[in-house]
């Protein structure tokens, strides 16, 4: 299959959204929802990576 970078993927996706909005002459609410969902998932993943896992309490 064709492999493209994340940056190129994001640019193509943004262009397709803009084209659809232009063609339909309205904002696509489902696209707005998907963008928000992706942003929240990305932020959540970034927060999980930034926070080290909690260590279980070791008995003495």
PDB file of N, CA and C in Angstrom:
ATOM      1  N   UNK A   1       0.800  -1.186   0.000  1.00  0.00           N
ATOM      2  CA  UNK A   1       0.000   0.000   0.000  1.00  0.00           C
ATOM      3  C   UNK A   1       0.845   1.252   0.000  1.00  0.00           C
ATOM      4  N   UNK A   2       0.209   2.343  -0.227  1.00  0.00           N
ATOM      5  CA  UNK A   2       0.865   3.646  -0.247  1.00  0.00           C
ATOM      6  C   UNK A   2       1.119   4.106   1.180  1.00  0.00           C
ATOM      7  N   UNK A   3       2.344   4.511   1.451  1.00  0.00           N
ATOM      8  CA  UNK A   3       2.692   5.010   2.781  1.00  0.00           C
ATOM      9  C   UNK A   3       2.987   6.504   2.683  1.00  0.00           C
ATOM     10  N   UNK A   4       2.328   7.275   3.555  1.00  0.00           N
ATOM     11  CA  UNK A   4       2.561   8.717   3.593  1.00  0.00           C
ATOM     12  C   UNK A   4       2.808   9.124   5.036  1.00  0.00           C
ATOM     13  N   UNK A   5       3.462  10.252   5.208  1.00  0.00           N
ATOM     14  CA  UNK A   5       3.763  10.732   6.556  1.00  0.00           C
ATOM     15  C   UNK A   5       2.487  11.217   7.243  1.00  0.00           C
ATOM     16  N   UNK A   6       2.559  11.324   8.567  1.00  0.00           N
ATOM     17  CA  UNK A   6       1.422  11.845   9.342  1.00  0.00           C
ATOM     18  C   UNK A   6       1.081  13.262   8.900  1.00  0.00           C
ATOM     19  N   UNK A   7       2.103  14.064   8.622  1.00  0.00           N
ATOM     20  CA  UNK A   7       1.882  15.448   8.196  1.00  0.00           C
ATOM     21  C   UNK A   7       1.128  15.497   6.876  1.00  0.00           C
ATOM     22  N   UNK A   8       1.566  14.684   5.914  1.00  0.00           N
ATOM     23  CA  UNK A   8       0.895  14.646   4.615  1.00  0.00           C
ATOM     24  C   UNK A   8      -0.534  14.144   4.767  1.00  0.00           C
ATOM     25  N   UNK A   9      -0.727  13.139   5.607  1.00  0.00           N
ATOM     26  CA  UNK A   9      -2.072  12.601   5.855  1.00  0.00           C
ATOM     27  C   UNK A   9      -2.983  13.692   6.403  1.00  0.00           C
ATOM     28  N   UNK A  10      -2.484  14.443   7.377  1.00  0.00           N
ATOM     29  CA  UNK A  10      -3.283  15.512   7.990  1.00  0.00           C
ATOM     30  C   UNK A  10      -3.612  16.603   6.970  1.00  0.00           C
ATOM     31  N   UNK A  11      -2.648  16.946   6.111  1.00  0.00           N
ATOM     32  CA  UNK A  11      -2.890  17.974   5.096  1.00  0.00           C
ATOM     33  C   UNK A  11      -3.941  17.524   4.084  1.00  0.00           C
ATOM     34  N   UNK A  12      -3.849  16.283   3.632  1.00  0.00           N
ATOM     35  CA  UNK A  12      -4.829  15.755   2.675  1.00  0.00           C
ATOM     36  C   UNK A  12      -6.213  15.711   3.304  1.00  0.00           C
ATOM     37  N   UNK A  13      -6.277  15.261   4.542  1.00  0.00           N
ATOM     38  CA  UNK A  13      -7.559  15.187   5.241  1.00  0.00           C
ATOM     39  C   UNK A  13      -8.186  16.574   5.373  1.00  0.00           C
ATOM     40  N   UNK A  14      -7.382  17.567   5.750  1.00  0.00           N
ATOM     41  CA  UNK A  14      -7.892  18.935   5.893  1.00  0.00           C
ATOM     42  C   UNK A  14      -8.399  19.473   4.554  1.00  0.00           C
ATOM     43  N   UNK A  15      -7.665  19.211   3.487  1.00  0.00           N
ATOM     44  CA  UNK A  15      -8.098  19.663   2.160  1.00  0.00           C
ATOM     45  C   UNK A  15      -9.406  19.004   1.748  1.00  0.00           C
ATOM     46  N   UNK A  16      -9.559  17.719   2.029  1.00  0.00           N
ATOM     47  CA  UNK A  16     -10.801  17.025   1.687  1.00  0.00           C
ATOM     48  C   UNK A  16     -11.980  17.591   2.472  1.00  0.00           C
ATOM     49  N   UNK A  17     -11.782  17.874   3.760  1.00  0.00           N
ATOM     50  CA  UNK A  17     -12.851  18.469   4.568  1.00  0.00           C
ATOM     51  C   UNK A  17     -13.260  19.823   3.991  1.00  0.00           C
ATOM     52  N   UNK A  18     -12.252  20.648   3.664  1.00  0.00           N
ATOM     53  CA  UNK A  18     -12.547  21.975   3.110  1.00  0.00           C
ATOM     54  C   UNK A  18     -13.273  21.863   1.776  1.00  0.00           C
ATOM     55  N   UNK A  19     -12.862  20.922   0.947  1.00  0.00           N
ATOM     56  CA  UNK A  19     -13.522  20.718  -0.344  1.00  0.00           C
ATOM     57  C   UNK A  19     -14.980  20.317  -0.146  1.00  0.00           C
ATOM     58  N   UNK A  20     -15.225  19.386   0.781  1.00  0.00           N
ATOM     59  CA  UNK A  20     -16.604  18.959   1.035  1.00  0.00           C
ATOM     60  C   UNK A  20     -17.453  20.108   1.561  1.00  0.00           C
ATOM     61  N   UNK A  21     -16.906  20.885   2.489  1.00  0.00           N
ATOM     62  CA  UNK A  21     -17.649  22.027   3.025  1.00  0.00           C
ATOM     63  C   UNK A  21     -17.946  23.038   1.922  1.00  0.00           C
ATOM     64  N   UNK A  22     -16.985  23.289   1.057  1.00  0.00           N
ATOM     65  CA  UNK A  22     -17.187  24.221  -0.057  1.00  0.00           C
ATOM     66  C   UNK A  22     -18.263  23.691  -1.001  1.00  0.00           C
ATOM     67  N   UNK A  23     -18.164  22.407  -1.339  1.00  0.00           N
ATOM     68  CA  UNK A  23     -19.109  21.803  -2.279  1.00  0.00           C
ATOM     69  C   UNK A  23     -20.524  21.779  -1.710  1.00  0.00           C
ATOM     70  N   UNK A  24     -20.646  21.428  -0.439  1.00  0.00           N
ATOM     71  CA  UNK A  24     -21.969  21.333   0.185  1.00  0.00           C
ATOM     72  C   UNK A  24     -22.475  22.685   0.680  1.00  0.00           C
ATOM     73  N   UNK A  25     -21.590  23.688   0.716  1.00  0.00           N
ATOM     74  CA  UNK A  25     -21.919  25.040   1.170  1.00  0.00           C
ATOM     75  C   UNK A  25     -22.451  25.069   2.598  1.00  0.00           C
ATOM     76  N   UNK A  26     -21.879  24.227   3.432  1.00  0.00           N
ATOM     77  CA  UNK A  26     -22.229  24.256   4.857  1.00  0.00           C
ATOM     78  C   UNK A  26     -21.151  23.535   5.652  1.00  0.00           C
ATOM     79  N   UNK A  27     -21.131  23.826   6.955  1.00  0.00           N
ATOM     80  CA  UNK A  27     -20.185  23.160   7.836  1.00  0.00           C
ATOM     81  C   UNK A  27     -20.668  21.742   8.099  1.00  0.00           C
ATOM     82  N   UNK A  28     -19.749  20.823   8.106  1.00  0.00           N
ATOM     83  CA  UNK A  28     -20.091  19.430   8.371  1.00  0.00           C
ATOM     84  C   UNK A  28     -19.969  19.175   9.871  1.00  0.00           C
ATOM     85  N   UNK A  29     -21.092  19.017  10.539  1.00  0.00           N
ATOM     86  CA  UNK A  29     -21.061  18.826  11.987  1.00  0.00           C
ATOM     87  C   UNK A  29     -20.368  17.531  12.373  1.00  0.00           C
ATOM     88  N   UNK A  30     -20.554  16.486  11.572  1.00  0.00           N
ATOM     89  CA  UNK A  30     -19.901  15.223  11.898  1.00  0.00           C
ATOM     90  C   UNK A  30     -18.383  15.365  11.806  1.00  0.00           C
ATOM     91  N   UNK A  31     -17.905  16.186  10.877  1.00  0.00           N
ATOM     92  CA  UNK A  31     -16.469  16.422  10.750  1.00  0.00           C
ATOM     93  C   UNK A  31     -15.965  17.172  11.973  1.00  0.00           C
ATOM     94  N   UNK A  32     -16.707  18.165  12.415  1.00  0.00           N
ATOM     95  CA  UNK A  32     -16.330  18.914  13.610  1.00  0.00           C
ATOM     96  C   UNK A  32     -16.257  17.983  14.814  1.00  0.00           C
ATOM     97  N   UNK A  33     -17.226  17.093  14.944  1.00  0.00           N
ATOM     98  CA  UNK A  33     -17.233  16.129  16.039  1.00  0.00           C
ATOM     99  C   UNK A  33     -16.007  15.221  15.956  1.00  0.00           C
ATOM    100  N   UNK A  34     -15.701  14.707  14.770  1.00  0.00           N
ATOM    101  CA  UNK A  34     -14.553  13.815  14.614  1.00  0.00           C
ATOM    102  C   UNK A  34     -13.241  14.528  14.920  1.00  0.00           C
ATOM    103  N   UNK A  35     -13.128  15.789  14.510  1.00  0.00           N
ATOM    104  CA  UNK A  35     -11.923  16.561  14.817  1.00  0.00           C
ATOM    105  C   UNK A  35     -11.771  16.725  16.329  1.00  0.00           C
ATOM    106  N   UNK A  36     -12.876  17.041  17.012  1.00  0.00           N
ATOM    107  CA  UNK A  36     -12.826  17.207  18.463  1.00  0.00           C
ATOM    108  C   UNK A  36     -12.459  15.896  19.142  1.00  0.00           C
ATOM    109  N   UNK A  37     -13.048  14.797  18.676  1.00  0.00           N
ATOM    110  CA  UNK A  37     -12.755  13.486  19.245  1.00  0.00           C
ATOM    111  C   UNK A  37     -11.283  13.130  19.057  1.00  0.00           C
ATOM    112  N   UNK A  38     -10.749  13.358  17.870  1.00  0.00           N
ATOM    113  CA  UNK A  38      -9.331  13.075  17.621  1.00  0.00           C
ATOM    114  C   UNK A  38      -8.438  13.914  18.515  1.00  0.00           C
ATOM    115  N   UNK A  39      -8.769  15.200  18.668  1.00  0.00           N
ATOM    116  CA  UNK A  39      -7.973  16.086  19.514  1.00  0.00           C
ATOM    117  C   UNK A  39      -7.988  15.594  20.958  1.00  0.00           C
ATOM    118  N   UNK A  40      -9.167  15.200  21.451  1.00  0.00           N
ATOM    119  CA  UNK A  40      -9.268  14.715  22.825  1.00  0.00           C
ATOM    120  C   UNK A  40      -8.496  13.412  23.011  1.00  0.00           C
ATOM    121  N   UNK A  41      -8.563  12.518  22.035  1.00  0.00           N
ATOM    122  CA  UNK A  41      -7.807  11.267  22.116  1.00  0.00           C
ATOM    123  C   UNK A  41      -6.307  11.530  22.094  1.00  0.00           C
ATOM    124  N   UNK A  42      -5.870  12.455  21.237  1.00  0.00           N
ATOM    125  CA  UNK A  42      -4.453  12.799  21.155  1.00  0.00           C
ATOM    126  C   UNK A  42      -3.981  13.413  22.473  1.00  0.00           C
ATOM    127  N   UNK A  43      -4.783  14.323  23.041  1.00  0.00           N
ATOM    128  CA  UNK A  43      -4.425  14.949  24.313  1.00  0.00           C
ATOM    129  C   UNK A  43      -4.383  13.923  25.430  1.00  0.00           C
ATOM    130  N   UNK A  44      -5.332  13.006  25.426  1.00  0.00           N
ATOM    131  CA  UNK A  44      -5.378  11.962  26.444  1.00  0.00           C
ATOM    132  C   UNK A  44      -4.146  11.067  26.350  1.00  0.00           C
ATOM    133  N   UNK A  45      -3.767  10.693  25.140  1.00  0.00           N
ATOM    134  CA  UNK A  45      -2.583   9.850  24.939  1.00  0.00           C
ATOM    135  C   UNK A  45      -1.324  10.586  25.381  1.00  0.00           C
ATOM    136  N   UNK A  46      -1.243  11.881  25.085  1.00  0.00           N
ATOM    137  CA  UNK A  46      -0.081  12.675  25.487  1.00  0.00           C
ATOM    138  C   UNK A  46       0.005  12.757  27.005  1.00  0.00           C
ATOM    139  N   UNK A  47      -1.137  12.900  27.675  1.00  0.00           N
ATOM    140  CA  UNK A  47      -1.148  12.962  29.138  1.00  0.00           C
ATOM    141  C   UNK A  47      -0.709  11.637  29.743  1.00  0.00           C
ATOM    142  N   UNK A  48      -1.140  10.527  29.141  1.00  0.00           N
ATOM    143  CA  UNK A  48      -0.737   9.214  29.649  1.00  0.00           C
ATOM    144  C   UNK A  48       0.759   8.995  29.485  1.00  0.00           C
ATOM    145  N   UNK A  49       1.345   9.475  28.402  1.00  0.00           N
ATOM    146  CA  UNK A  49       2.777   9.316  28.176  1.00  0.00           C
ATOM    147  C   UNK A  49       3.578  10.202  29.119  1.00  0.00           C
ATOM    148  N   UNK A  50       3.050  11.354  29.471  1.00  0.00           N
ATOM    149  CA  UNK A  50       3.762  12.297  30.331  1.00  0.00           C
ATOM    150  C   UNK A  50       3.719  11.886  31.794  1.00  0.00           C
ATOM    151  N   UNK A  51       2.724  11.095  32.179  1.00  0.00           N
ATOM    152  CA  UNK A  51       2.567  10.680  33.568  1.00  0.00           C
ATOM    153  C   UNK A  51       3.137   9.282  33.750  1.00  0.00           C
ATOM    154  N   UNK A  52       4.165   9.133  34.601  1.00  0.00           N
ATOM    155  CA  UNK A  52       4.715   7.789  34.813  1.00  0.00           C
ATOM    156  C   UNK A  52       3.696   6.905  35.525  1.00  0.00           C
ATOM    157  N   UNK A  53       3.711   5.612  35.249  1.00  0.00           N
ATOM    158  CA  UNK A  53       2.756   4.718  35.911  1.00  0.00           C
ATOM    159  C   UNK A  53       2.997   4.685  37.417  1.00  0.00           C
ATOM    160  N   UNK A  54       1.931   4.578  38.162  1.00  0.00           N
ATOM    161  CA  UNK A  54       2.034   4.534  39.622  1.00  0.00           C
ATOM    162  C   UNK A  54       2.640   3.204  40.041  1.00  0.00           C
ATOM    163  N   UNK A  55       3.514   3.260  41.027  1.00  0.00           N
ATOM    164  CA  UNK A  55       4.114   2.033  41.554  1.00  0.00           C
ATOM    165  C   UNK A  55       3.218   1.469  42.642  1.00  0.00           C
ATOM    166  N   UNK A  56       3.043   0.176  42.656  1.00  0.00           N
ATOM    167  CA  UNK A  56       2.261  -0.413  43.756  1.00  0.00           C
ATOM    168  C   UNK A  56       3.023  -0.257  45.065  1.00  0.00           C
ATOM    169  N   UNK A  57       2.293  -0.116  46.136  1.00  0.00           N
ATOM    170  CA  UNK A  57       2.905   0.035  47.455  1.00  0.00           C
ATOM    171  C   UNK A  57       3.568  -1.277  47.848  1.00  0.00           C
ATOM    172  N   UNK A  58       4.847  -1.202  48.215  1.00  0.00           N
ATOM    173  CA  UNK A  58       5.578  -2.409  48.609  1.00  0.00           C
ATOM    174  C   UNK A  58       5.574  -2.529  50.125  1.00  0.00           C
ATOM    175  N   UNK A  59       5.168  -3.696  50.645  1.00  0.00           N
ATOM    176  CA  UNK A  59       5.194  -3.877  52.110  1.00  0.00           C
ATOM    177  C   UNK A  59       6.632  -3.919  52.616  1.00  0.00           C
ATOM    178  N   UNK A  60       6.825  -3.454  53.849  1.00  0.00           N
ATOM    179  CA  UNK A  60       8.182  -3.426  54.418  1.00  0.00           C
ATOM    180  C   UNK A  60       8.447  -4.594  55.294  1.00  0.00           C
TER     181      UNK A  60
END
